[in-house]
Amino acid sequence: QVQLVESGGGLVQPGGSLRLSCAASGFTFSIYTMRWYRQAPGKEREFVAHITSNSAITNYADSVKGRFTISRDNAKNMVYLQMSSLKSEDTAVYYCNARFQTLGVREYWGQGTQVTVSS
């Protein structure tokens, strides 16, 4: 059974930091590209960060560049999102995504974890 389980969300003050984790199981994690997305209330889900299967390449949405860092540990089947200098506009549900593309696309989503940035 494929599972992506996010954790680490919560309430944090502006300027603070949080580290999100995503635990993967039920598929060959090490060959999948991993992404974080987020969805704020009343808005569409948006891309946050991406990391290739071997961690060679990462990229970020402009809105989080320089503040967020994506990383992974293939030995532990984990992907992380370190978030710093958080702003109120970072408030959203954060989702972990796994994608593998060959002739077709295999894609999995987690259930999300809430991040609220507020004083």
PDB file of N, CA and C in Angstrom:
ATOM      1  N   GLN A   1       0.849  -1.200   0.000  1.00  0.00           N
ATOM      2  CA  GLN A   1       0.000   0.000   0.000  1.00  0.00           C
ATOM      3  C   GLN A   1       0.880   1.244   0.000  1.00  0.00           C
ATOM      4  N   VAL A   2       0.642   2.099  -0.993  1.00  0.00           N
ATOM      5  CA  VAL A   2       1.419   3.328  -1.100  1.00  0.00           C
ATOM      6  C   VAL A   2       0.951   4.334  -0.055  1.00  0.00           C
ATOM      7  N   GLN A   3       1.912   4.920   0.633  1.00  0.00           N
ATOM      8  CA  GLN A   3       1.586   5.959   1.606  1.00  0.00           C
ATOM      9  C   GLN A   3       2.626   7.073   1.563  1.00  0.00           C
ATOM     10  N   LEU A   4       2.129   8.295   1.659  1.00  0.00           N
ATOM     11  CA  LEU A   4       2.950   9.471   1.919  1.00  0.00           C
ATOM     12  C   LEU A   4       2.317  10.154   3.113  1.00  0.00           C
ATOM     13  N   VAL A   5       3.082  10.273   4.192  1.00  0.00           N
ATOM     14  CA  VAL A   5       2.543  10.819   5.426  1.00  0.00           C
ATOM     15  C   VAL A   5       3.375  12.026   5.840  1.00  0.00           C
ATOM     16  N   GLU A   6       2.743  13.197   5.770  1.00  0.00           N
ATOM     17  CA  GLU A   6       3.416  14.436   6.165  1.00  0.00           C
ATOM     18  C   GLU A   6       3.284  14.664   7.663  1.00  0.00           C
ATOM     19  N   SER A   7       4.262  15.337   8.207  1.00  0.00           N
ATOM     20  CA  SER A   7       4.219  15.725   9.617  1.00  0.00           C
ATOM     21  C   SER A   7       5.072  16.972   9.807  1.00  0.00           C
ATOM     22  N   GLY A   8       4.942  17.581  10.976  1.00  0.00           N
ATOM     23  CA  GLY A   8       5.772  18.732  11.308  1.00  0.00           C
ATOM     24  C   GLY A   8       5.088  20.078  11.187  1.00  0.00           C
ATOM     25  N   GLY A   9       3.858  20.084  10.707  1.00  0.00           N
ATOM     26  CA  GLY A   9       3.150  21.343  10.613  1.00  0.00           C
ATOM     27  C   GLY A   9       2.746  21.869  11.980  1.00  0.00           C
ATOM     28  N   GLY A  10       2.240  23.087  11.988  1.00  0.00           N
ATOM     29  CA  GLY A  10       1.797  23.676  13.235  1.00  0.00           C
ATOM     30  C   GLY A  10       1.678  25.177  13.143  1.00  0.00           C
ATOM     31  N   LEU A  11       1.573  25.802  14.296  1.00  0.00           N
ATOM     32  CA  LEU A  11       1.462  27.258  14.394  1.00  0.00           C
ATOM     33  C   LEU A  11       2.836  27.836  14.716  1.00  0.00           C
ATOM     34  N   VAL A  12       3.228  28.840  13.959  1.00  0.00           N
ATOM     35  CA  VAL A  12       4.532  29.474  14.171  1.00  0.00           C
ATOM     36  C   VAL A  12       4.378  30.972  13.948  1.00  0.00           C
ATOM     37  N   GLN A  13       5.178  31.739  14.658  1.00  0.00           N
ATOM     38  CA  GLN A  13       5.131  33.191  14.510  1.00  0.00           C
ATOM     39  C   GLN A  13       5.863  33.629  13.243  1.00  0.00           C
ATOM     40  N   PRO A  14       5.486  34.762  12.716  1.00  0.00           N
ATOM     41  CA  PRO A  14       6.234  35.294  11.561  1.00  0.00           C
ATOM     42  C   PRO A  14       7.715  35.408  11.878  1.00  0.00           C
ATOM     43  N   GLY A  15       8.533  35.013  10.922  1.00  0.00           N
ATOM     44  CA  GLY A  15       9.972  34.999  11.122  1.00  0.00           C
ATOM     45  C   GLY A  15      10.502  33.699  11.672  1.00  0.00           C
ATOM     46  N   GLY A  16       9.604  32.828  12.092  1.00  0.00           N
ATOM     47  CA  GLY A  16      10.007  31.556  12.666  1.00  0.00           C
ATOM     48  C   GLY A  16      10.333  30.498  11.631  1.00  0.00           C
ATOM     49  N   SER A  17      10.600  29.297  12.136  1.00  0.00           N
ATOM     50  CA  SER A  17      10.986  28.185  11.279  1.00  0.00           C
ATOM     51  C   SER A  17      10.178  26.935  11.616  1.00  0.00           C
ATOM     52  N   LEU A  18      10.040  26.091  10.608  1.00  0.00           N
ATOM     53  CA  LEU A  18       9.430  24.772  10.772  1.00  0.00           C
ATOM     54  C   LEU A  18      10.124  23.820   9.817  1.00  0.00           C
ATOM     55  N   ARG A  19      10.128  22.562  10.199  1.00  0.00           N
ATOM     56  CA  ARG A  19      10.640  21.524   9.313  1.00  0.00           C
ATOM     57  C   ARG A  19       9.540  20.506   9.090  1.00  0.00           C
ATOM     58  N   LEU A  20       9.121  20.392   7.832  1.00  0.00           N
ATOM     59  CA  LEU A  20       8.137  19.385   7.465  1.00  0.00           C
ATOM     60  C   LEU A  20       8.848  18.106   7.049  1.00  0.00           C
ATOM     61  N   SER A  21       8.220  16.993   7.361  1.00  0.00           N
ATOM     62  CA  SER A  21       8.736  15.691   6.958  1.00  0.00           C
ATOM     63  C   SER A  21       7.656  14.938   6.189  1.00  0.00           C
ATOM     64  N   CYS A  22       8.094  14.076   5.311  1.00  0.00           N
ATOM     65  CA  CYS A  22       7.173  13.224   4.564  1.00  0.00           C
ATOM     66  C   CYS A  22       7.774  11.823   4.525  1.00  0.00           C
ATOM     67  N   ALA A  23       7.054  10.886   5.115  1.00  0.00           N
ATOM     68  CA  ALA A  23       7.497   9.494   5.150  1.00  0.00           C
ATOM     69  C   ALA A  23       6.808   8.717   4.034  1.00  0.00           C
ATOM     70  N   ALA A  24       7.600   8.062   3.219  1.00  0.00           N
ATOM     71  CA  ALA A  24       7.086   7.318   2.080  1.00  0.00           C
ATOM     72  C   ALA A  24       7.181   5.818   2.311  1.00  0.00           C
ATOM     73  N   SER A  25       6.203   5.092   1.800  1.00  0.00           N
ATOM     74  CA  SER A  25       6.235   3.641   1.883  1.00  0.00           C
ATOM     75  C   SER A  25       5.385   3.053   0.771  1.00  0.00           C
ATOM     76  N   GLY A  26       5.676   1.813   0.438  1.00  0.00           N
ATOM     77  CA  GLY A  26       4.864   1.099  -0.538  1.00  0.00           C
ATOM     78  C   GLY A  26       5.279   1.269  -1.984  1.00  0.00           C
ATOM     79  N   PHE A  27       6.366   1.985  -2.225  1.00  0.00           N
ATOM     80  CA  PHE A  27       6.877   2.135  -3.581  1.00  0.00           C
ATOM     81  C   PHE A  27       8.382   2.375  -3.498  1.00  0.00           C
ATOM     82  N   THR A  28       9.043   2.330  -4.651  1.00  0.00           N
ATOM     83  CA  THR A  28      10.504   2.478  -4.686  1.00  0.00           C
ATOM     84  C   THR A  28      10.857   3.958  -4.616  1.00  0.00           C
ATOM     85  N   PHE A  29      10.921   4.451  -3.420  1.00  0.00           N
ATOM     86  CA  PHE A  29      11.089   5.879  -3.166  1.00  0.00           C
ATOM     87  C   PHE A  29      12.304   6.463  -3.899  1.00  0.00           C
ATOM     88  N   SER A  30      13.387   5.727  -3.947  1.00  0.00           N
ATOM     89  CA  SER A  30      14.650   6.282  -4.438  1.00  0.00           C
ATOM     90  C   SER A  30      14.637   6.645  -5.916  1.00  0.00           C
ATOM     91  N   ILE A  31      13.649   6.181  -6.674  1.00  0.00           N
ATOM     92  CA  ILE A  31      13.613   6.517  -8.097  1.00  0.00           C
ATOM     93  C   ILE A  31      12.602   7.614  -8.408  1.00  0.00           C
ATOM     94  N   TYR A  32      11.900   8.066  -7.394  1.00  0.00           N
ATOM     95  CA  TYR A  32      10.859   9.066  -7.598  1.00  0.00           C
ATOM     96  C   TYR A  32      11.379  10.476  -7.353  1.00  0.00           C
ATOM     97  N   THR A  33      10.969  11.400  -8.211  1.00  0.00           N
ATOM     98  CA  THR A  33      11.134  12.814  -7.944  1.00  0.00           C
ATOM     99  C   THR A  33      10.114  13.213  -6.888  1.00  0.00           C
ATOM    100  N   MET A  34      10.548  14.047  -5.963  1.00  0.00           N
ATOM    101  CA  MET A  34       9.663  14.459  -4.882  1.00  0.00           C
ATOM    102  C   MET A  34       9.417  15.956  -4.939  1.00  0.00           C
ATOM    103  N   ARG A  35       8.223  16.325  -4.602  1.00  0.00           N
ATOM    104  CA  ARG A  35       7.836  17.740  -4.600  1.00  0.00           C
ATOM    105  C   ARG A  35       7.018  18.055  -3.362  1.00  0.00           C
ATOM    106  N   TRP A  36       7.057  19.310  -3.004  1.00  0.00           N
ATOM    107  CA  TRP A  36       6.136  19.865  -2.020  1.00  0.00           C
ATOM    108  C   TRP A  36       5.243  20.867  -2.741  1.00  0.00           C
ATOM    109  N   TYR A  37       3.979  20.796  -2.417  1.00  0.00           N
ATOM    110  CA  TYR A  37       2.998  21.759  -2.881  1.00  0.00           C
ATOM    111  C   TYR A  37       2.308  22.332  -1.647  1.00  0.00           C
ATOM    112  N   ARG A  38       1.581  23.406  -1.870  1.00  0.00           N
ATOM    113  CA  ARG A  38       0.769  23.959  -0.776  1.00  0.00           C
ATOM    114  C   ARG A  38      -0.519  24.542  -1.327  1.00  0.00           C
ATOM    115  N   GLN A  39      -1.512  24.613  -0.455  1.00  0.00           N
ATOM    116  CA  GLN A  39      -2.800  25.179  -0.843  1.00  0.00           C
ATOM    117  C   GLN A  39      -3.304  26.023   0.304  1.00  0.00           C
ATOM    118  N   ALA A  40      -3.432  27.310   0.023  1.00  0.00           N
ATOM    119  CA  ALA A  40      -3.977  28.243   0.995  1.00  0.00           C
ATOM    120  C   ALA A  40      -5.492  28.298   0.847  1.00  0.00           C
ATOM    121  N   PRO A  41      -6.184  28.722   1.879  1.00  0.00           N
ATOM    122  CA  PRO A  41      -7.652  28.794   1.813  1.00  0.00           C
ATOM    123  C   PRO A  41      -8.107  29.655   0.642  1.00  0.00           C
ATOM    124  N   GLY A  42      -9.012  29.100  -0.146  1.00  0.00           N
ATOM    125  CA  GLY A  42      -9.564  29.848  -1.273  1.00  0.00           C
ATOM    126  C   GLY A  42      -8.658  29.958  -2.479  1.00  0.00           C
ATOM    127  N   LYS A  43      -7.516  29.285  -2.433  1.00  0.00           N
ATOM    128  CA  LYS A  43      -6.567  29.361  -3.556  1.00  0.00           C
ATOM    129  C   LYS A  43      -6.305  27.977  -4.120  1.00  0.00           C
ATOM    130  N   GLU A  44      -5.745  27.960  -5.324  1.00  0.00           N
ATOM    131  CA  GLU A  44      -5.386  26.696  -5.937  1.00  0.00           C
ATOM    132  C   GLU A  44      -4.087  26.151  -5.337  1.00  0.00           C
ATOM    133  N   ARG A  45      -3.923  24.858  -5.456  1.00  0.00           N
ATOM    134  CA  ARG A  45      -2.682  24.244  -4.999  1.00  0.00           C
ATOM    135  C   ARG A  45      -1.531  24.756  -5.855  1.00  0.00           C
ATOM    136  N   GLU A  46      -0.411  25.079  -5.211  1.00  0.00           N
ATOM    137  CA  GLU A  46       0.718  25.623  -5.944  1.00  0.00           C
ATOM    138  C   GLU A  46       2.004  24.871  -5.604  1.00  0.00           C
ATOM    139  N   PHE A  47       2.888  24.851  -6.565  1.00  0.00           N
ATOM    140  CA  PHE A  47       4.192  24.225  -6.418  1.00  0.00           C
ATOM    141  C   PHE A  47       5.043  25.017  -5.428  1.00  0.00           C
ATOM    142  N   VAL A  48       5.782  24.288  -4.595  1.00  0.00           N
ATOM    143  CA  VAL A  48       6.687  24.921  -3.637  1.00  0.00           C
ATOM    144  C   VAL A  48       8.145  24.566  -3.937  1.00  0.00           C
ATOM    145  N   ALA A  49       8.426  23.257  -4.026  1.00  0.00           N
ATOM    146  CA  ALA A  49       9.822  22.844  -4.198  1.00  0.00           C
ATOM    147  C   ALA A  49       9.873  21.452  -4.812  1.00  0.00           C
ATOM    148  N   HIS A  50      11.016  21.151  -5.414  1.00  0.00           N
ATOM    149  CA  HIS A  50      11.202  19.899  -6.141  1.00  0.00           C
ATOM    150  C   HIS A  50      12.624  19.397  -5.905  1.00  0.00           C
ATOM    151  N   ILE A  51      12.776  18.076  -5.838  1.00  0.00           N
ATOM    152  CA  ILE A  51      14.102  17.482  -5.711  1.00  0.00           C
ATOM    153  C   ILE A  51      14.128  16.207  -6.536  1.00  0.00           C
ATOM    154  N   THR A  52      15.190  16.022  -7.288  1.00  0.00           N
ATOM    155  CA  THR A  52      15.298  14.833  -8.113  1.00  0.00           C
ATOM    156  C   THR A  52      15.627  13.606  -7.264  1.00  0.00           C
ATOM    157  N   SER A  53      15.568  12.441  -7.891  1.00  0.00           N
ATOM    158  CA  SER A  53      15.696  11.186  -7.149  1.00  0.00           C
ATOM    159  C   SER A  53      17.037  11.064  -6.424  1.00  0.00           C
ATOM    160  N   ASN A  54      18.096  11.613  -7.026  1.00  0.00           N
ATOM    161  CA  ASN A  54      19.423  11.510  -6.413  1.00  0.00           C
ATOM    162  C   ASN A  54      19.862  12.801  -5.727  1.00  0.00           C
ATOM    163  N   SER A  55      18.916  13.708  -5.535  1.00  0.00           N
ATOM    164  CA  SER A  55      19.161  15.002  -4.885  1.00  0.00           C
ATOM    165  C   SER A  55      20.083  15.927  -5.673  1.00  0.00           C
ATOM    166  N   ALA A  56      20.346  15.594  -6.918  1.00  0.00           N
ATOM    167  CA  ALA A  56      21.273  16.406  -7.705  1.00  0.00           C
ATOM    168  C   ALA A  56      20.708  17.769  -8.064  1.00  0.00           C
ATOM    169  N   ILE A  57      19.410  17.823  -8.227  1.00  0.00           N
ATOM    170  CA  ILE A  57      18.769  19.070  -8.665  1.00  0.00           C
ATOM    171  C   ILE A  57      17.607  19.405  -7.734  1.00  0.00           C
ATOM    172  N   THR A  58      17.576  20.661  -7.326  1.00  0.00           N
ATOM    173  CA  THR A  58      16.428  21.175  -6.588  1.00  0.00           C
ATOM    174  C   THR A  58      15.976  22.462  -7.247  1.00  0.00           C
ATOM    175  N   ASN A  59      14.705  22.753  -7.142  1.00  0.00           N
ATOM    176  CA  ASN A  59      14.252  24.073  -7.535  1.00  0.00           C
ATOM    177  C   ASN A  59      13.044  24.474  -6.700  1.00  0.00           C
ATOM    178  N   TYR A  60      12.789  25.770  -6.723  1.00  0.00           N
ATOM    179  CA  TYR A  60      11.833  26.352  -5.784  1.00  0.00           C
ATOM    180  C   TYR A  60      10.950  27.376  -6.476  1.00  0.00           C
ATOM    181  N   ALA A  61       9.771  27.543  -5.929  1.00  0.00           N
ATOM    182  CA  ALA A  61       8.933  28.663  -6.341  1.00  0.00           C
ATOM    183  C   ALA A  61       9.631  29.965  -5.947  1.00  0.00           C
ATOM    184  N   ASP A  62       9.448  30.974  -6.734  1.00  0.00           N
ATOM    185  CA  ASP A  62      10.084  32.264  -6.439  1.00  0.00           C
ATOM    186  C   ASP A  62       9.695  32.773  -5.051  1.00  0.00           C
ATOM    187  N   SER A  63       8.488  32.484  -4.643  1.00  0.00           N
ATOM    188  CA  SER A  63       7.983  33.009  -3.379  1.00  0.00           C
ATOM    189  C   SER A  63       8.693  32.426  -2.157  1.00  0.00           C
ATOM    190  N   VAL A  64       9.370  31.291  -2.321  1.00  0.00           N
ATOM    191  CA  VAL A  64      10.037  30.653  -1.177  1.00  0.00           C
ATOM    192  C   VAL A  64      11.547  30.550  -1.365  1.00  0.00           C
ATOM    193  N   LYS A  65      12.027  30.943  -2.520  1.00  0.00           N
ATOM    194  CA  LYS A  65      13.452  30.811  -2.814  1.00  0.00           C
ATOM    195  C   LYS A  65      14.278  31.579  -1.792  1.00  0.00           C
ATOM    196  N   GLY A  66      15.300  30.927  -1.263  1.00  0.00           N
ATOM    197  CA  GLY A  66      16.153  31.549  -0.259  1.00  0.00           C
ATOM    198  C   GLY A  66      15.661  31.370   1.163  1.00  0.00           C
ATOM    199  N   ARG A  67      14.432  30.915   1.318  1.00  0.00           N
ATOM    200  CA  ARG A  67      13.866  30.705   2.658  1.00  0.00           C
ATOM    201  C   ARG A  67      13.580  29.232   2.956  1.00  0.00           C
ATOM    202  N   PHE A  68      13.253  28.469   1.923  1.00  0.00           N
ATOM    203  CA  PHE A  68      12.908  27.060   2.095  1.00  0.00           C
ATOM    204  C   PHE A  68      14.002  26.190   1.470  1.00  0.00           C
ATOM    205  N   THR A  69      14.209  25.023   2.066  1.00  0.00           N
ATOM    206  CA  THR A  69      15.159  24.056   1.537  1.00  0.00           C
ATOM    207  C   THR A  69      14.539  22.669   1.532  1.00  0.00           C
ATOM    208  N   ILE A  70      14.541  22.045   0.364  1.00  0.00           N
ATOM    209  CA  ILE A  70      14.047  20.679   0.243  1.00  0.00           C
ATOM    210  C   ILE A  70      15.236  19.726   0.278  1.00  0.00           C
ATOM    211  N   SER A  71      15.035  18.589   0.937  1.00  0.00           N
ATOM    212  CA  SER A  71      16.079  17.568   0.991  1.00  0.00           C
ATOM    213  C   SER A  71      15.420  16.207   1.111  1.00  0.00           C
ATOM    214  N   ARG A  72      16.210  15.158   0.926  1.00  0.00           N
ATOM    215  CA  ARG A  72      15.671  13.804   1.029  1.00  0.00           C
ATOM    216  C   ARG A  72      16.723  12.871   1.572  1.00  0.00           C
ATOM    217  N   ASP A  73      16.250  11.769   2.135  1.00  0.00           N
ATOM    218  CA  ASP A  73      17.122  10.705   2.617  1.00  0.00           C
ATOM    219  C   ASP A  73      16.578   9.408   2.046  1.00  0.00           C
ATOM    220  N   ASN A  74      17.194   8.932   0.991  1.00  0.00           N
ATOM    221  CA  ASN A  74      16.686   7.731   0.325  1.00  0.00           C
ATOM    222  C   ASN A  74      16.830   6.485   1.190  1.00  0.00           C
ATOM    223  N   ALA A  75      17.763   6.492   2.104  1.00  0.00           N
ATOM    224  CA  ALA A  75      17.925   5.341   3.000  1.00  0.00           C
ATOM    225  C   ALA A  75      16.759   5.231   3.977  1.00  0.00           C
ATOM    226  N   LYS A  76      16.153   6.361   4.271  1.00  0.00           N
ATOM    227  CA  LYS A  76      15.039   6.388   5.229  1.00  0.00           C
ATOM    228  C   LYS A  76      13.687   6.600   4.555  1.00  0.00           C
ATOM    229  N   ASN A  77      13.678   6.747   3.234  1.00  0.00           N
ATOM    230  CA  ASN A  77      12.433   7.012   2.500  1.00  0.00           C
ATOM    231  C   ASN A  77      11.733   8.264   3.030  1.00  0.00           C
ATOM    232  N   MET A  78      12.524   9.317   3.188  1.00  0.00           N
ATOM    233  CA  MET A  78      12.006  10.555   3.748  1.00  0.00           C
ATOM    234  C   MET A  78      12.356  11.737   2.850  1.00  0.00           C
ATOM    235  N   VAL A  79      11.449  12.696   2.821  1.00  0.00           N
ATOM    236  CA  VAL A  79      11.733  13.979   2.192  1.00  0.00           C
ATOM    237  C   VAL A  79      11.355  15.058   3.190  1.00  0.00           C
ATOM    238  N   TYR A  80      12.104  16.158   3.145  1.00  0.00           N
ATOM    239  CA  TYR A  80      11.943  17.209   4.133  1.00  0.00           C
ATOM    240  C   TYR A  80      11.766  18.566   3.453  1.00  0.00           C
ATOM    241  N   LEU A  81      11.150  19.467   4.182  1.00  0.00           N
ATOM    242  CA  LEU A  81      11.093  20.852   3.746  1.00  0.00           C
ATOM    243  C   LEU A  81      11.418  21.714   4.953  1.00  0.00           C
ATOM    244  N   GLN A  82      12.608  22.291   4.946  1.00  0.00           N
ATOM    245  CA  GLN A  82      13.006  23.214   5.997  1.00  0.00           C
ATOM    246  C   GLN A  82      12.541  24.601   5.607  1.00  0.00           C
ATOM    247  N   MET A  83      11.719  25.191   6.460  1.00  0.00           N
ATOM    248  CA  MET A  83      11.143  26.493   6.167  1.00  0.00           C
ATOM    249  C   MET A  83      11.625  27.498   7.204  1.00  0.00           C
ATOM    250  N   SER A  84      12.147  28.604   6.751  1.00  0.00           N
ATOM    251  CA  SER A  84      12.610  29.642   7.663  1.00  0.00           C
ATOM    252  C   SER A  84      12.088  30.996   7.192  1.00  0.00           C
ATOM    253  N   SER A  85      12.260  31.992   8.045  1.00  0.00           N
ATOM    254  CA  SER A  85      11.756  33.347   7.765  1.00  0.00           C
ATOM    255  C   SER A  85      10.313  33.289   7.291  1.00  0.00           C
ATOM    256  N   LEU A  86       9.516  32.535   8.010  1.00  0.00           N
ATOM    257  CA  LEU A  86       8.133  32.308   7.578  1.00  0.00           C
ATOM    258  C   LEU A  86       7.324  33.587   7.626  1.00  0.00           C
ATOM    259  N   LYS A  87       6.411  33.682   6.671  1.00  0.00           N
ATOM    260  CA  LYS A  87       5.532  34.841   6.525  1.00  0.00           C
ATOM    261  C   LYS A  87       4.087  34.377   6.623  1.00  0.00           C
ATOM    262  N   SER A  88       3.218  35.311   6.872  1.00  0.00           N
ATOM    263  CA  SER A  88       1.798  34.960   6.987  1.00  0.00           C
ATOM    264  C   SER A  88       1.289  34.337   5.689  1.00  0.00           C
ATOM    265  N   GLU A  89       1.833  34.776   4.582  1.00  0.00           N
ATOM    266  CA  GLU A  89       1.392  34.232   3.292  1.00  0.00           C
ATOM    267  C   GLU A  89       1.878  32.807   3.040  1.00  0.00           C
ATOM    268  N   ASP A  90       2.701  32.274   3.920  1.00  0.00           N
ATOM    269  CA  ASP A  90       3.090  30.869   3.827  1.00  0.00           C
ATOM    270  C   ASP A  90       2.047  29.953   4.464  1.00  0.00           C
ATOM    271  N   THR A  91       1.061  30.528   5.099  1.00  0.00           N
ATOM    272  CA  THR A  91      -0.004  29.738   5.723  1.00  0.00           C
ATOM    273  C   THR A  91      -0.741  28.931   4.661  1.00  0.00           C
ATOM    274  N   ALA A  92      -0.779  27.618   4.856  1.00  0.00           N
ATOM    275  CA  ALA A  92      -1.387  26.733   3.869  1.00  0.00           C
ATOM    276  C   ALA A  92      -1.324  25.293   4.391  1.00  0.00           C
ATOM    277  N   VAL A  93      -2.023  24.430   3.681  1.00  0.00           N
ATOM    278  CA  VAL A  93      -1.812  22.994   3.866  1.00  0.00           C
ATOM    279  C   VAL A  93      -0.709  22.587   2.898  1.00  0.00           C
ATOM    280  N   TYR A  94       0.287  21.915   3.427  1.00  0.00           N
ATOM    281  CA  TYR A  94       1.447  21.500   2.627  1.00  0.00           C
ATOM    282  C   TYR A  94       1.336  20.013   2.309  1.00  0.00           C
ATOM    283  N   TYR A  95       1.531  19.712   1.021  1.00  0.00           N
ATOM    284  CA  TYR A  95       1.370  18.348   0.536  1.00  0.00           C
ATOM    285  C   TYR A  95       2.684  17.820  -0.047  1.00  0.00           C
ATOM    286  N   CYS A  96       2.929  16.579   0.225  1.00  0.00           N
ATOM    287  CA  CYS A  96       4.068  15.859  -0.336  1.00  0.00           C
ATOM    288  C   CYS A  96       3.597  15.129  -1.594  1.00  0.00           C
ATOM    289  N   ASN A  97       4.427  15.142  -2.629  1.00  0.00           N
ATOM    290  CA  ASN A  97       4.084  14.520  -3.907  1.00  0.00           C
ATOM    291  C   ASN A  97       5.256  13.694  -4.410  1.00  0.00           C
ATOM    292  N   ALA A  98       4.950  12.502  -4.891  1.00  0.00           N
ATOM    293  CA  ALA A  98       5.958  11.634  -5.498  1.00  0.00           C
ATOM    294  C   ALA A  98       5.570  11.386  -6.948  1.00  0.00           C
ATOM    295  N   ARG A  99       6.533  11.492  -7.844  1.00  0.00           N
ATOM    296  CA  ARG A  99       6.238  11.319  -9.272  1.00  0.00           C
ATOM    297  C   ARG A  99       7.373  10.574  -9.947  1.00  0.00           C
ATOM    298  N   PHE A 100       6.963   9.602 -10.794  1.00  0.00           N
ATOM    299  CA  PHE A 100       7.924   8.841 -11.581  1.00  0.00           C
ATOM    300  C   PHE A 100       7.395   8.741 -12.993  1.00  0.00           C
ATOM    301  N   GLN A 101       8.169   9.190 -13.946  1.00  0.00           N
ATOM    302  CA  GLN A 101       7.696   9.206 -15.333  1.00  0.00           C
ATOM    303  C   GLN A 101       8.589   8.361 -16.204  1.00  0.00           C
ATOM    304  N   THR A 102       7.980   7.380 -16.859  1.00  0.00           N
ATOM    305  CA  THR A 102       8.663   6.630 -17.906  1.00  0.00           C
ATOM    306  C   THR A 102       7.812   6.747 -19.152  1.00  0.00           C
ATOM    307  N   LEU A 103       7.109   5.700 -19.518  1.00  0.00           N
ATOM    308  CA  LEU A 103       6.152   5.795 -20.620  1.00  0.00           C
ATOM    309  C   LEU A 103       4.873   6.483 -20.146  1.00  0.00           C
ATOM    310  N   GLY A 104       4.595   6.360 -18.902  1.00  0.00           N
ATOM    311  CA  GLY A 104       3.463   7.028 -18.274  1.00  0.00           C
ATOM    312  C   GLY A 104       3.926   7.686 -17.000  1.00  0.00           C
ATOM    313  N   VAL A 105       2.987   8.184 -16.241  1.00  0.00           N
ATOM    314  CA  VAL A 105       3.327   8.862 -14.995  1.00  0.00           C
ATOM    315  C   VAL A 105       2.688   8.128 -13.826  1.00  0.00           C
ATOM    316  N   ARG A 106       3.503   7.836 -12.821  1.00  0.00           N
ATOM    317  CA  ARG A 106       2.980   7.346 -11.554  1.00  0.00           C
ATOM    318  C   ARG A 106       3.123   8.478 -10.552  1.00  0.00           C
ATOM    319  N   GLU A 107       2.051   8.779  -9.871  1.00  0.00           N
ATOM    320  CA  GLU A 107       2.065   9.932  -8.981  1.00  0.00           C
ATOM    321  C   GLU A 107       1.257   9.634  -7.735  1.00  0.00           C
ATOM    322  N   TYR A 108       1.801  10.051  -6.591  1.00  0.00           N
ATOM    323  CA  TYR A 108       1.141   9.834  -5.317  1.00  0.00           C
ATOM    324  C   TYR A 108       1.161  11.130  -4.503  1.00  0.00           C
ATOM    325  N   TRP A 109       0.135  11.270  -3.665  1.00  0.00           N
ATOM    326  CA  TRP A 109      -0.008  12.459  -2.816  1.00  0.00           C
ATOM    327  C   TRP A 109      -0.194  12.059  -1.360  1.00  0.00           C
ATOM    328  N   GLY A 110       0.308  12.887  -0.483  1.00  0.00           N
ATOM    329  CA  GLY A 110       0.016  12.743   0.930  1.00  0.00           C
ATOM    330  C   GLY A 110      -1.282  13.450   1.283  1.00  0.00           C
ATOM    331  N   GLN A 111      -1.631  13.363   2.554  1.00  0.00           N
ATOM    332  CA  GLN A 111      -2.897  13.937   3.007  1.00  0.00           C
ATOM    333  C   GLN A 111      -2.756  15.402   3.416  1.00  0.00           C
ATOM    334  N   GLY A 112      -1.536  15.861   3.570  1.00  0.00           N
ATOM    335  CA  GLY A 112      -1.285  17.262   3.890  1.00  0.00           C
ATOM    336  C   GLY A 112      -1.064  17.515   5.372  1.00  0.00           C
ATOM    337  N   THR A 113      -0.337  18.590   5.642  1.00  0.00           N
ATOM    338  CA  THR A 113      -0.125  19.042   7.014  1.00  0.00           C
ATOM    339  C   THR A 113      -0.298  20.560   7.046  1.00  0.00           C
ATOM    340  N   GLN A 114      -0.999  21.031   8.041  1.00  0.00           N
ATOM    341  CA  GLN A 114      -1.332  22.456   8.130  1.00  0.00           C
ATOM    342  C   GLN A 114      -0.165  23.247   8.709  1.00  0.00           C
ATOM    343  N   VAL A 115       0.172  24.327   8.033  1.00  0.00           N
ATOM    344  CA  VAL A 115       1.142  25.295   8.539  1.00  0.00           C
ATOM    345  C   VAL A 115       0.432  26.629   8.672  1.00  0.00           C
ATOM    346  N   THR A 116       0.466  27.182   9.866  1.00  0.00           N
ATOM    347  CA  THR A 116      -0.162  28.477  10.120  1.00  0.00           C
ATOM    348  C   THR A 116       0.894  29.422  10.673  1.00  0.00           C
ATOM    349  N   VAL A 117       1.067  30.540   9.975  1.00  0.00           N
ATOM    350  CA  VAL A 117       2.038  31.552  10.400  1.00  0.00           C
ATOM    351  C   VAL A 117       1.246  32.756  10.890  1.00  0.00           C
ATOM    352  N   SER A 118       1.314  32.980  12.188  1.00  0.00           N
ATOM    353  CA  SER A 118       0.506  34.038  12.782  1.00  0.00           C
ATOM    354  C   SER A 118       1.095  34.440  14.128  1.00  0.00           C
ATOM    355  N   SER A 119       0.931  35.708  14.457  1.00  0.00           N
ATOM    356  CA  SER A 119       1.376  36.185  15.773  1.00  0.00           C
ATOM    357  C   SER A 119       0.226  36.122  16.772  1.00  0.00           C
TER     358      SER A 119
END
